[in-house]
Amino acid sequence: SLLSHGIELDEDTDVVQLIAEPSISLVEKAQALSQSQFDFHRSFLAREVSTLLPQMRTYLAIIHIIPIVRDFSLDQADVVREALASQLEKIVLYFLQFQSAPPPPLPHDVFSSLFMNLLLDQNPDIAHQARLAVGTVADNVTDDILESEILGGVIAGLRKLYESEIDEFRIQQNGLVSAIDVDRDGEADLGKMLVVV
């Protein structure tokens, strides 16, 4: 950890100098920045991760960086998610080049939640960047990789996300239909009574 190297992250930490520090591994630096309480540390890493990836061993990047990137897609700070969204296609395309090249295997569907989180972001600029990233990725990978690794997972994820809402809507609709039927029955009874009178 950085503490074992005598480095503690604070608001005055020079992140550029930290990244250049040769005695600390890139993975350690990335983990420290990703866990920082300061938004600018996390946004810096989100913005720079695509340039750091080629300097790491692929298996370390898959094991350590993909989880960091996924966490960033849910970060509470807009500035972190914005930085990530602006680099999304570069990050995804970097990893997808290893999709069929062992070792190590890239976990199936690994980017679905990442895309979903950013596509559904409440900040329209972030969602827009994510849509652009999907387009760029689609233009640069084969259709089977696109469908199996991204689109299929996003669609399945959206289905799961909305299933409960759809079920709730159907229950409400059924309740509404039942209420309408009751009203119609009541109107029919009233009509019969009026005819009888």
Foldseek 3Di string as FASTA:
>chain_A
DVVVVVDDDDPPDDLVVVCVDPVDDPLVSLVRLLPDPDPVSLLVCLLCVLVCQVVDDLVSCLVRVLVSLLVLLVDPDPSNLLSNLQCVLSVVVVNVVCCPPDVPHRDWLSCASSLLSQCPDPPVSSVVSSVVSLVVNPVPDDPVCNCGRYVVSNVVVVCVVCVVVVVVVVVVVVVVVVVVVVVVVVVVVVVVVVVVD
